[in-house]
Amino acid sequence: MQTRRNFLRKTAVTAATLPLFNIARAGTSANGKVQHASFGADGMAYADLKTLSANPNLQLTAIAEVDDRRLAKVKAEFPDIRVYKDWRDLLEKESDKLDSVNVSTPDHMHAPIGISAMRKGLNVYGQKPLAQTLFETRRMAEIAKETGLVTQMGTQLTSTTYERLTARLIQDGVVGKVKEVHMFSHKTWGDPEPKPEGRKDPVPAEFDWDLWLGVAAERDYIENYYHPGEWRKRLDFGTGTLGDMGCHIYSPMFQALGVRAPLSVKSTGQQPNATNWAIDEAFEYIFPGNDLTAGETVKVTWTDGSLRPPAKFLEMFGEKMPNQGSIFVGTEGVLLQPHGQLPVPYPRDKFKGFRYPKLKPRNHYEDFVSAIRGEKVKPLADFHDYGGPLTETVLLGALASRFPNELLEWDAAKLRFTNSEEANKFITRSYRKGWELKDLQA
């Protein structure tokens, strides 16, 4: 008997050997839709499942959510959906009926759920950052390559015309060879205050605190301190401002310059405390240069919170200076990429009347679904070639913030720092007893 998943996989294999045309649309029935499940029901998970399910070729059938209070919207819009509290139960009972999932949980559960789903043969749309640690991220990328599944990291702006225009303008040499890049965000996903001592709040009846903790160590529940949303600030659950926004804002540089692993990273901003990420972070990366850069290496900086790029850029851009974005400094000019907006070359008098090239539109979510259905399209932020290396770069900075003003030299092939055994201790982490995963044993 041919299952739905077997049909889709055979279609995908066939598509890879034929000229470009839409095989899957040729007479597939409602039963030929991609069968999909969501890990998470609200927040970014709701945005993901709504956008994915808007595709007529995908059907949302199941969901895992640890907090019943966050299910109302999904149940109202998808009354036939099958609901689970434990993500492991969903995979055990539903995986043979599914083709794909989105993993849109707090960061600390991205890798355990994502890898478990891939091991069940499911294509994965995984929220950024791809994982919480460097080792987890590398394993996510390796397993995606090993299984050959369709993957896409949730950096949806990667597929926008704006970001692809940035890459095109840099690669066309509009501002010359790139000398340096500055990236910045005004967000403050950190907390300089210590964890409240001795506080223990009752866990709401609708909320499974133990399942929410997942692989993290047990601790007392504190109302509104971890869940919902505040987990981004906590060392054990999130990745701070850099982890939240870095995968978005570094992406234009990754597309434009084709860089991957940096040679070194140094934190020049604030340091995390015992439990929380810092605000006002700053980092300096050195990447190997290439044909698009002015030198043998290229320096890339990040600032967040109240810290801003050098004052000369604030003067250059004036009121056009965005809260978040990238600045590419070239030998022939400067390209400003406001986050999620049209890139603009400077100085403006030099580029008066500049005409942008036309690019064919792409859709991050549709590419994921189309690739699963066998259409000859490669998602732009797949785990192995793009999402994994991009997340590793971001997480290197987050890790470096623990070692302020210390230049950390990085060997990407060996996944280790060559000059700091103390820093190497943070490349992976220990999982709570009973939550260990074979694929994530260092």
Protein backbone atom coordinates (compact mmCIF):
# COMPACT_ATOMS: atom_id res chain seq x y z
CA MET A 1 0.00 0.00 0.00
CA GLN A 2 1.35 3.43 -0.96
CA THR A 3 1.15 5.90 1.91
CA ARG A 4 0.79 9.64 1.44
CA ARG A 5 4.36 10.20 2.59
CA ASN A 6 5.70 7.60 0.18
CA PHE A 7 3.81 9.30 -2.65
CA LEU A 8 5.32 12.67 -1.80
CA ARG A 9 8.81 11.25 -1.50
CA LYS A 10 8.58 9.40 -4.82
CA THR A 11 7.31 12.59 -6.41
CA ALA A 12 10.25 14.52 -4.99
CA VAL A 13 12.76 12.00 -6.34
CA THR A 14 11.12 12.10 -9.76
CA ALA A 15 11.09 15.89 -9.76
CA ALA A 16 14.83 16.00 -9.19
CA THR A 17 15.42 14.19 -12.50
CA LEU A 18 12.93 16.08 -14.70
CA PRO A 19 12.75 19.57 -16.18
CA LEU A 20 11.32 22.31 -13.99
CA PHE A 21 7.55 22.09 -13.83
CA ASN A 22 4.97 21.56 -11.13
CA ILE A 23 4.46 17.83 -10.89
CA ALA A 24 2.51 17.80 -7.62
CA ARG A 25 -0.25 20.07 -8.88
CA ALA A 26 -1.07 17.66 -11.70
CA GLY A 27 -4.25 16.17 -10.31
CA THR A 28 -3.49 15.63 -6.63
CA SER A 29 -6.59 15.24 -4.49
CA ALA A 30 -7.31 16.61 -1.03
CA ASN A 31 -5.66 13.45 0.33
CA GLY A 32 -2.49 14.45 -1.48
CA LYS A 33 -2.05 17.53 0.73
CA VAL A 34 1.00 17.79 2.93
CA GLN A 35 -0.13 16.60 6.37
CA HIS A 36 1.33 18.91 8.97
CA ALA A 37 1.65 19.28 12.76
CA SER A 38 2.75 22.22 14.89
CA PHE A 39 4.83 22.16 18.05
CA GLY A 40 3.46 25.23 19.76
CA ALA A 41 0.08 26.98 19.46
CA ASP A 42 0.53 30.67 20.17
CA GLY A 43 3.04 33.46 19.59
CA MET A 44 5.48 32.62 16.80
CA ALA A 45 4.00 29.13 16.58
CA TYR A 46 0.60 30.58 15.73
CA ALA A 47 2.15 32.81 13.06
CA ASP A 48 3.95 29.82 11.55
CA LEU A 49 1.02 27.43 11.54
CA LYS A 50 -1.33 30.09 10.17
CA THR A 51 1.01 31.02 7.33
CA LEU A 52 1.81 27.41 6.47
CA SER A 53 -1.83 26.31 6.59
CA ALA A 54 -2.82 29.18 4.31
CA ASN A 55 -1.18 27.16 1.56
CA PRO A 56 -3.95 25.11 -0.14
CA ASN A 57 -1.53 22.20 -0.49
CA LEU A 58 -0.99 21.81 3.27
CA GLN A 59 -3.38 20.62 5.97
CA LEU A 60 -2.80 21.22 9.68
CA THR A 61 -3.91 18.09 11.51
CA ALA A 62 -2.24 17.99 14.95
CA ILE A 63 -0.66 20.23 17.52
CA ALA A 64 1.36 19.89 20.73
CA GLU A 65 1.03 22.62 23.35
CA VAL A 66 1.91 22.48 27.06
CA ASP A 67 -0.41 25.35 28.05
CA ASP A 68 -4.13 24.85 27.43
CA ARG A 69 -4.68 28.60 27.79
CA ARG A 70 -2.83 29.14 24.50
CA LEU A 71 -5.04 26.82 22.44
CA ALA A 72 -8.18 28.92 22.02
CA LYS A 73 -7.35 30.56 18.68
CA VAL A 74 -6.14 27.34 17.09
CA LYS A 75 -9.15 25.32 18.23
CA ALA A 76 -11.51 28.01 16.97
CA GLU A 77 -9.92 28.09 13.52
CA PHE A 78 -9.08 24.38 13.23
CA PRO A 79 -11.87 22.59 15.14
CA ASP A 80 -10.86 19.13 13.89
CA ILE A 81 -7.26 19.39 14.96
CA ARG A 82 -5.87 16.66 17.23
CA VAL A 83 -4.32 18.17 20.37
CA TYR A 84 -1.49 16.78 22.51
CA LYS A 85 0.25 18.18 25.54
CA ASP A 86 3.43 16.11 25.23
CA TRP A 87 5.29 16.52 21.93
CA ARG A 88 6.64 12.99 22.29
CA ASP A 89 3.10 11.60 22.29
CA LEU A 90 2.31 13.50 19.12
CA LEU A 91 5.33 12.04 17.33
CA GLU A 92 4.60 8.55 18.59
CA LYS A 93 0.95 8.54 17.57
CA GLU A 94 0.92 10.81 14.53
CA SER A 95 4.23 10.54 12.70
CA ASP A 96 3.06 7.83 10.27
CA LYS A 97 0.21 10.15 9.23
CA LEU A 98 2.37 13.24 8.85
CA ASP A 99 4.69 14.71 6.24
CA SER A 100 5.99 17.80 8.04
CA VAL A 101 6.08 19.80 11.26
CA ASN A 102 6.99 23.26 12.46
CA VAL A 103 9.04 23.54 15.66
CA SER A 104 8.11 26.91 17.16
CA THR A 105 8.85 26.44 20.85
CA PRO A 106 11.27 28.16 23.23
CA ASP A 107 14.85 27.83 21.99
CA HIS A 108 15.95 25.13 24.41
CA MET A 109 13.57 22.60 22.82
CA HIS A 110 14.30 23.29 19.15
CA ALA A 111 16.94 20.57 18.76
CA PRO A 112 15.32 17.79 20.82
CA ILE A 113 12.00 18.14 18.99
CA GLY A 114 13.48 18.92 15.57
CA ILE A 115 15.88 15.98 15.60
CA SER A 116 13.21 13.60 16.93
CA ALA A 117 10.92 14.69 14.09
CA MET A 118 13.61 14.20 11.45
CA ARG A 119 14.35 10.75 12.83
CA LYS A 120 10.66 9.99 12.24
CA GLY A 121 11.15 10.98 8.60
CA LEU A 122 9.35 14.31 8.88
CA ASN A 123 10.30 17.47 7.00
CA VAL A 124 10.92 20.31 9.45
CA TYR A 125 10.27 24.04 9.45
CA GLY A 126 12.31 25.12 12.49
CA GLN A 127 12.16 28.49 14.15
CA LYS A 128 15.33 30.51 14.60
CA PRO A 129 17.78 30.10 16.15
CA LEU A 130 18.01 26.55 14.85
CA ALA A 131 19.07 25.34 18.32
CA GLN A 132 20.31 26.71 21.62
CA THR A 133 23.89 25.41 21.59
CA LEU A 134 26.59 25.08 18.96
CA PHE A 135 26.67 21.29 19.26
CA GLU A 136 22.90 20.99 18.88
CA THR A 137 22.98 23.27 15.86
CA ARG A 138 25.70 21.21 14.17
CA ARG A 139 23.75 18.00 14.79
CA MET A 140 20.56 19.53 13.38
CA ALA A 141 22.42 20.40 10.18
CA GLU A 142 24.17 17.03 9.96
CA ILE A 143 20.97 15.04 10.43
CA ALA A 144 19.12 17.17 7.89
CA LYS A 145 21.83 16.35 5.35
CA GLU A 146 21.96 12.68 6.33
CA THR A 147 18.20 12.18 6.00
CA GLY A 148 17.75 14.31 2.89
CA LEU A 149 14.58 15.83 4.31
CA VAL A 150 13.22 19.23 3.33
CA THR A 151 14.13 21.81 5.98
CA GLN A 152 13.70 25.57 6.35
CA MET A 153 14.72 27.81 9.25
CA GLY A 154 12.23 30.48 10.25
CA THR A 155 14.17 33.46 8.91
CA GLN A 156 11.31 34.35 6.61
CA LEU A 157 12.91 37.60 5.49
CA THR A 158 15.66 35.57 3.81
CA SER A 159 13.25 34.94 0.95
CA THR A 160 11.99 38.52 0.62
CA THR A 161 12.85 40.65 -2.38
CA TYR A 162 14.41 43.22 -0.03
CA GLU A 163 16.99 40.86 1.42
CA ARG A 164 17.74 39.22 -1.91
CA LEU A 165 18.20 42.67 -3.42
CA THR A 166 20.85 43.40 -0.80
CA ALA A 167 22.72 40.28 -1.87
CA ARG A 168 22.35 41.16 -5.54
CA LEU A 169 23.60 44.73 -5.09
CA ILE A 170 26.64 43.60 -3.11
CA GLN A 171 27.43 40.84 -5.60
CA ASP A 172 27.01 43.28 -8.51
CA GLY A 173 29.59 45.54 -6.89
CA VAL A 174 27.29 48.55 -6.52
CA VAL A 175 29.27 49.82 -3.49
CA GLY A 176 32.51 48.12 -4.54
CA LYS A 177 34.37 45.53 -2.48
CA VAL A 178 33.09 45.17 1.09
CA LYS A 179 35.50 46.44 3.75
CA GLU A 180 33.38 45.91 6.87
CA VAL A 181 29.83 45.20 7.97
CA HIS A 182 27.91 46.63 10.96
CA MET A 183 24.71 45.02 12.28
CA PHE A 184 22.47 46.35 15.02
CA SER A 185 19.18 45.96 16.89
CA HIS A 186 17.48 48.14 19.47
CA LYS A 187 15.88 45.16 21.22
CA THR A 188 16.71 44.24 24.82
CA TRP A 189 16.10 40.53 25.33
CA GLY A 190 18.21 40.41 28.46
CA ASP A 191 17.88 41.09 32.16
CA PRO A 192 20.69 42.55 34.31
CA GLU A 193 18.72 41.83 37.50
CA PRO A 194 19.36 38.63 39.48
CA LYS A 195 16.79 35.86 39.60
CA PRO A 196 14.28 36.47 42.42
CA GLU A 197 15.51 34.58 45.49
CA GLY A 198 13.16 32.24 47.32
CA ARG A 199 10.18 32.92 45.09
CA LYS A 200 7.93 29.99 44.18
CA ASP A 201 4.52 30.51 42.61
CA PRO A 202 1.75 27.94 42.13
CA VAL A 203 1.70 26.40 38.66
CA PRO A 204 -1.57 27.12 36.80
CA ALA A 205 -3.73 24.04 36.45
CA GLU A 206 -3.82 24.38 32.65
CA PHE A 207 -0.04 24.52 32.33
CA ASP A 208 2.39 21.55 32.42
CA TRP A 209 5.52 23.13 33.89
CA ASP A 210 7.52 19.90 33.74
CA LEU A 211 6.89 19.46 30.01
CA TRP A 212 7.70 23.10 29.39
CA LEU A 213 11.06 22.66 31.16
CA GLY A 214 11.78 19.69 28.92
CA VAL A 215 15.52 19.04 28.77
CA ALA A 216 16.33 21.88 31.20
CA ALA A 217 17.06 21.31 34.88
CA GLU A 218 14.17 21.33 37.34
CA ARG A 219 13.40 24.59 39.13
CA ASP A 220 10.54 26.38 40.85
CA TYR A 221 7.90 28.05 38.74
CA ILE A 222 7.83 31.87 38.86
CA GLU A 223 4.78 33.53 37.37
CA ASN A 224 5.59 35.55 34.21
CA TYR A 225 9.33 35.10 34.72
CA TYR A 226 9.82 32.34 32.15
CA HIS A 227 6.50 31.79 30.43
CA PRO A 228 5.20 33.21 28.23
CA GLY A 229 7.86 35.08 26.27
CA GLU A 230 10.27 36.04 29.04
CA TRP A 231 12.27 32.83 28.47
CA ARG A 232 14.28 34.64 25.77
CA LYS A 233 16.09 36.53 28.54
CA ARG A 234 17.08 33.41 30.49
CA LEU A 235 20.35 31.56 29.88
CA ASP A 236 18.80 28.10 30.18
CA PHE A 237 15.94 28.71 27.73
CA GLY A 238 16.70 31.51 25.26
CA THR A 239 19.62 33.10 23.46
CA GLY A 240 19.14 36.80 24.23
CA THR A 241 18.81 39.62 21.74
CA LEU A 242 21.51 38.22 19.49
CA GLY A 243 19.78 34.84 19.32
CA ASP A 244 16.38 36.41 18.75
CA MET A 245 17.31 38.95 16.07
CA GLY A 246 20.77 37.86 14.94
CA CYS A 247 19.58 35.09 12.65
CA HIS A 248 17.40 37.65 10.86
CA ILE A 249 19.90 40.49 10.70
CA TYR A 250 22.99 38.42 9.87
CA SER A 251 21.12 36.74 7.02
CA PRO A 252 21.60 39.54 4.43
CA MET A 253 25.37 39.30 4.96
CA PHE A 254 25.30 35.52 4.62
CA GLN A 255 23.40 35.83 1.34
CA ALA A 256 25.46 38.73 0.04
CA LEU A 257 29.00 37.65 0.88
CA GLY A 258 28.55 33.88 1.07
CA VAL A 259 30.53 33.82 4.33
CA ARG A 260 29.99 30.99 6.76
CA ALA A 261 32.28 30.24 9.74
CA PRO A 262 34.19 33.14 11.34
CA LEU A 263 37.84 32.88 12.30
CA SER A 264 37.35 34.62 15.64
CA VAL A 265 34.85 36.45 17.81
CA LYS A 266 35.23 38.93 20.68
CA SER A 267 32.58 40.36 22.99
CA THR A 268 33.05 44.05 23.80
CA GLY A 269 29.68 44.64 25.48
CA GLN A 270 27.95 43.59 28.66
CA GLN A 271 28.30 40.15 30.25
CA PRO A 272 25.44 37.82 31.29
CA ASN A 273 24.82 37.36 34.99
CA ALA A 274 24.33 33.97 36.63
CA THR A 275 20.93 33.31 35.03
CA ASN A 276 20.17 35.95 32.39
CA TRP A 277 21.50 37.24 29.10
CA ALA A 278 22.84 40.79 29.05
CA ILE A 279 21.48 43.87 27.36
CA ASP A 280 23.75 46.30 25.47
CA GLU A 281 25.76 43.55 23.83
CA ALA A 282 28.55 44.19 21.31
CA PHE A 283 30.62 41.73 19.27
CA GLU A 284 33.44 41.77 16.75
CA TYR A 285 33.74 38.90 14.28
CA ILE A 286 36.51 38.29 11.76
CA PHE A 287 35.52 36.25 8.70
CA PRO A 288 37.72 34.96 5.87
CA GLY A 289 37.56 37.29 2.89
CA ASN A 290 36.68 36.34 -0.67
CA ASP A 291 36.24 37.91 -4.11
CA LEU A 292 33.54 40.24 -2.74
CA THR A 293 35.62 41.68 0.10
CA ALA A 294 38.35 44.30 0.02
CA GLY A 295 40.81 42.31 2.13
CA GLU A 296 41.83 38.80 3.05
CA THR A 297 39.47 39.07 6.04
CA VAL A 298 36.36 41.12 6.74
CA LYS A 299 35.32 42.54 10.12
CA VAL A 300 31.67 42.26 11.15
CA THR A 301 30.29 43.98 14.25
CA TRP A 302 27.04 43.66 16.19
CA THR A 303 25.49 46.03 18.73
CA ASP A 304 22.13 45.91 20.50
CA GLY A 305 20.07 47.70 23.10
CA SER A 306 21.27 51.27 23.63
CA LEU A 307 24.53 50.65 21.76
CA ARG A 308 24.57 51.87 18.17
CA PRO A 309 26.85 51.70 15.12
CA PRO A 310 29.62 54.33 14.80
CA ALA A 311 28.41 57.93 14.84
CA LYS A 312 29.54 58.57 11.25
CA PHE A 313 26.70 56.34 10.04
CA LEU A 314 24.13 58.05 12.23
CA GLU A 315 25.17 61.31 10.60
CA MET A 316 25.15 59.82 7.11
CA PHE A 317 21.66 58.32 7.36
CA GLY A 318 20.07 60.98 9.57
CA GLU A 319 16.34 60.40 10.04
CA LYS A 320 16.59 57.37 7.76
CA MET A 321 18.65 55.53 10.37
CA PRO A 322 16.56 52.44 11.32
CA ASN A 323 16.32 50.75 14.70
CA GLN A 324 17.58 47.49 13.23
CA GLY A 325 19.54 46.52 10.17
CA SER A 326 22.88 46.10 8.43
CA ILE A 327 25.46 48.50 7.00
CA PHE A 328 27.82 47.29 4.28
CA VAL A 329 30.84 49.57 3.92
CA GLY A 330 32.35 49.23 0.46
CA THR A 331 35.24 50.74 -1.42
CA GLU A 332 32.80 52.72 -3.61
CA GLY A 333 29.99 53.51 -1.19
CA VAL A 334 27.81 52.28 1.66
CA LEU A 335 24.71 50.08 1.48
CA LEU A 336 22.13 50.42 4.26
CA GLN A 337 19.78 47.46 4.72
CA PRO A 338 17.04 48.50 7.16
CA HIS A 339 15.63 45.33 8.70
CA GLY A 340 12.80 44.11 6.47
CA GLN A 341 12.98 47.10 4.12
CA LEU A 342 14.49 48.16 0.80
CA PRO A 343 18.31 48.47 0.81
CA VAL A 344 19.59 51.96 0.00
CA PRO A 345 23.04 52.90 -1.39
CA TYR A 346 24.86 55.98 -0.02
CA PRO A 347 25.92 58.73 -0.46
CA ARG A 348 22.57 59.60 -1.99
CA ASP A 349 23.92 62.22 -4.42
CA LYS A 350 26.25 59.65 -5.95
CA PHE A 351 23.40 57.17 -6.45
CA LYS A 352 20.77 59.66 -7.60
CA GLY A 353 18.42 57.93 -10.04
CA PHE A 354 19.71 54.49 -9.07
CA ARG A 355 17.54 51.73 -10.54
CA TYR A 356 17.07 48.44 -8.71
CA PRO A 357 17.24 45.16 -10.61
CA LYS A 358 14.02 43.15 -10.78
CA LEU A 359 13.91 39.86 -8.90
CA LYS A 360 11.38 37.08 -9.12
CA PRO A 361 9.33 36.93 -5.88
CA ARG A 362 9.79 34.01 -3.50
CA ASN A 363 7.84 32.92 -0.44
CA HIS A 364 9.66 31.30 2.49
CA TYR A 365 6.70 29.15 3.56
CA GLU A 366 5.56 28.22 0.07
CA ASP A 367 9.07 27.10 -0.87
CA PHE A 368 9.03 24.68 2.07
CA VAL A 369 5.69 23.17 1.09
CA SER A 370 6.53 23.08 -2.62
CA ALA A 371 9.81 21.26 -2.00
CA ILE A 372 8.00 18.63 0.07
CA ARG A 373 5.54 18.13 -2.77
CA GLY A 374 8.33 17.45 -5.22
CA GLU A 375 8.58 20.78 -6.97
CA LYS A 376 12.08 21.67 -8.06
CA VAL A 377 12.72 24.41 -5.52
CA LYS A 378 15.40 24.59 -2.83
CA PRO A 379 14.45 26.45 0.37
CA LEU A 380 16.85 29.36 0.89
CA ALA A 381 17.38 28.72 4.62
CA ASP A 382 17.72 24.95 4.75
CA PHE A 383 19.37 23.56 7.89
CA HIS A 384 22.58 22.18 6.40
CA ASP A 385 23.78 24.78 3.92
CA TYR A 386 22.37 27.94 5.48
CA GLY A 387 20.40 27.81 8.72
CA GLY A 388 22.99 25.77 10.59
CA PRO A 389 26.05 27.89 9.72
CA LEU A 390 24.08 31.09 10.28
CA THR A 391 22.91 29.96 13.71
CA GLU A 392 26.42 28.85 14.64
CA THR A 393 27.72 32.34 13.90
CA VAL A 394 25.04 33.91 16.08
CA LEU A 395 25.59 31.47 18.94
CA LEU A 396 29.34 32.07 18.85
CA GLY A 397 28.66 35.66 19.79
CA ALA A 398 26.24 34.70 22.55
CA LEU A 399 28.82 32.31 23.98
CA ALA A 400 31.59 34.91 23.70
CA SER A 401 29.57 37.32 25.86
CA ARG A 402 30.51 35.11 28.82
CA PHE A 403 34.17 36.04 28.19
CA PRO A 404 34.25 39.84 27.73
CA ASN A 405 37.14 41.36 25.76
CA GLU A 406 38.69 37.94 25.17
CA LEU A 407 39.51 37.08 21.54
CA LEU A 408 38.19 33.58 20.93
CA GLU A 409 39.70 31.75 17.95
CA TRP A 410 37.28 29.37 16.25
CA ASP A 411 37.93 26.07 14.46
CA ALA A 412 34.61 25.34 12.77
CA ALA A 413 35.67 21.96 11.40
CA LYS A 414 36.41 20.70 14.90
CA LEU A 415 33.59 22.70 16.54
CA ARG A 416 35.87 24.13 19.20
CA PHE A 417 37.85 27.17 20.25
CA THR A 418 41.57 26.68 19.82
CA ASN A 419 42.60 29.04 22.63
CA SER A 420 40.02 28.63 25.41
CA GLU A 421 39.05 25.39 27.10
CA GLU A 422 36.77 27.40 29.38
CA ALA A 423 34.78 28.61 26.38
CA ASN A 424 34.64 25.09 24.97
CA LYS A 425 32.66 24.01 28.02
CA PHE A 426 29.67 25.99 26.70
CA ILE A 427 29.58 24.40 23.24
CA THR A 428 27.16 21.79 24.55
CA ARG A 429 25.08 21.28 27.70
CA SER A 430 23.76 18.52 29.94
CA TYR A 431 20.18 17.32 29.63
CA ARG A 432 17.91 16.53 32.53
CA LYS A 433 17.88 12.86 33.50
CA GLY A 434 15.28 11.00 31.47
CA TRP A 435 15.36 13.59 28.68
CA GLU A 436 18.63 12.56 27.04
CA LEU A 437 18.63 12.07 23.28
CA LYS A 438 21.12 9.73 21.62
CA ASP A 439 21.71 12.08 18.69
CA LEU A 440 22.66 14.86 21.09
CA GLN A 441 25.22 13.02 23.19
CA ALA A 442 28.54 14.83 22.73
